[in-house]
Protein backbone atom coordinates (compact mmCIF):
# COMPACT_ATOMS: atom_id res chain seq x y z
CA UNK A 1 20.52 -29.81 -51.03
CA UNK A 2 18.37 -32.82 -49.26
CA UNK A 3 19.49 -34.91 -46.37
CA UNK A 4 20.64 -38.40 -46.84
CA UNK A 5 17.66 -41.33 -47.00
CA UNK A 6 17.41 -43.30 -44.15
CA UNK A 7 16.25 -46.59 -45.12
CA UNK A 8 14.22 -48.37 -42.00
CA UNK A 9 13.33 -52.02 -42.43
CA UNK A 10 11.93 -54.10 -39.73
CA UNK A 11 13.56 -55.51 -36.72
CA UNK A 12 12.70 -59.07 -38.24
CA UNK A 13 14.36 -57.84 -41.60
CA UNK A 14 17.86 -56.76 -40.10
CA UNK A 15 18.44 -60.89 -39.10
CA UNK A 16 16.90 -60.76 -35.80
CA UNK A 17 14.01 -63.48 -34.81
CA UNK A 18 11.30 -62.97 -32.96
CA UNK A 19 10.87 -65.57 -30.69
CA UNK A 20 6.66 -66.37 -29.89
CA UNK A 21 5.61 -66.14 -26.74
CA UNK A 22 2.38 -67.91 -25.05
CA UNK A 23 0.56 -67.34 -22.26
CA UNK A 24 -1.43 -69.69 -20.41
CA UNK A 25 -4.86 -68.18 -19.11
CA UNK A 26 -3.62 -68.09 -15.40
CA UNK A 27 -1.17 -65.85 -16.67
CA UNK A 28 -3.08 -63.96 -18.38
CA UNK A 29 -5.52 -63.75 -15.37
CA UNK A 30 -2.40 -62.74 -13.40
CA UNK A 31 -1.01 -60.26 -16.06
CA UNK A 32 -4.57 -58.39 -15.57
CA UNK A 33 -4.40 -58.92 -11.67
CA UNK A 34 -1.57 -57.04 -11.96
CA UNK A 35 -2.32 -53.87 -14.07
CA UNK A 36 -5.15 -53.34 -11.68
CA UNK A 37 -3.40 -53.69 -8.60
CA UNK A 38 0.29 -52.41 -8.96
CA UNK A 39 1.57 -51.40 -12.84
CA UNK A 40 4.78 -51.25 -12.09
CA UNK A 41 5.11 -54.70 -11.64
CA UNK A 42 2.53 -54.69 -14.70
CA UNK A 43 4.96 -52.39 -16.67
CA UNK A 44 8.45 -54.79 -15.20
CA UNK A 45 6.37 -58.11 -16.64
CA UNK A 46 5.41 -56.51 -19.57
CA UNK A 47 9.71 -55.43 -20.20
CA UNK A 48 11.01 -58.95 -19.44
CA UNK A 49 7.97 -60.52 -21.57
CA UNK A 50 9.32 -58.42 -24.23
CA UNK A 51 12.89 -59.44 -23.71
CA UNK A 52 12.05 -63.01 -23.72
CA UNK A 53 10.45 -62.14 -27.31
CA UNK A 54 13.31 -60.57 -28.24
CA UNK A 55 15.34 -63.49 -27.45
CA UNK A 56 17.68 -61.13 -25.19
CA UNK A 57 18.67 -63.19 -22.23
CA UNK A 58 17.47 -62.81 -18.49
CA UNK A 59 20.32 -62.27 -15.63
CA UNK A 60 21.11 -65.16 -13.51
CA UNK A 61 20.51 -63.46 -10.92
CA UNK A 62 16.94 -63.13 -11.07
CA UNK A 63 16.27 -66.44 -12.58
CA UNK A 64 15.10 -68.77 -9.41
CA UNK A 65 15.40 -72.88 -10.15
CA UNK A 66 11.99 -74.74 -9.52
CA UNK A 67 11.82 -77.11 -6.47
CA UNK A 68 10.25 -79.59 -8.35
CA UNK A 69 13.29 -79.61 -11.05
CA UNK A 70 11.14 -79.84 -13.56
CA UNK A 71 13.18 -79.70 -16.61
CA UNK A 72 12.27 -76.88 -18.89
CA UNK A 73 10.70 -74.96 -16.63
CA UNK A 74 12.64 -71.63 -14.89
CA UNK A 75 11.11 -68.77 -12.76
CA UNK A 76 12.27 -65.26 -12.60
CA UNK A 77 11.61 -63.41 -8.92
CA UNK A 78 9.15 -60.63 -9.66
CA UNK A 79 9.33 -59.34 -5.49
CA UNK A 80 9.11 -61.18 -2.50
CA UNK A 81 6.62 -63.96 -2.99
CA UNK A 82 5.81 -63.25 -6.48
CA UNK A 83 7.75 -65.27 -10.12
CA UNK A 84 7.16 -65.51 -13.74
CA UNK A 85 7.06 -69.20 -14.69
CA UNK A 86 8.32 -69.81 -17.74
CA UNK A 87 9.01 -72.36 -20.21
CA UNK A 88 10.79 -73.16 -23.50
CA UNK A 89 8.99 -75.75 -25.96
CA UNK A 90 9.78 -76.03 -29.56
CA UNK A 91 11.08 -72.59 -30.26
CA UNK A 92 9.03 -70.64 -28.48
CA UNK A 93 8.37 -69.20 -25.15
CA UNK A 94 5.09 -69.89 -22.62
CA UNK A 95 4.56 -67.83 -19.50
CA UNK A 96 2.60 -70.29 -16.94
CA UNK A 97 1.79 -67.90 -14.52
CA UNK A 98 2.62 -64.51 -13.43
CA UNK A 99 1.64 -64.76 -9.50
CA UNK A 100 2.41 -66.13 -6.52
CA UNK A 101 4.97 -68.72 -6.44
CA UNK A 102 5.09 -71.63 -8.77
């Protein structure tokens, strides 16, 4: 008796769409800095980026409003003074920075 075949389809074929994530040059530099200096924070950043790409919600308790109240921009607290600054534009997520305050 043979086991039943299980059809595996990519996530995109199951009705889920992935949101394109763009990183500014500053955000790429910040991520490289975290990879060299604190791998735990780098893993947390990559986890957040994957969640954004997959369309998952970021917990509201982790989101911080920007002081200038720029439309479309918000920040996610990483550590005491470090934030991930994100903007949603035309169906994509743009990451502006991954270190320090806005």
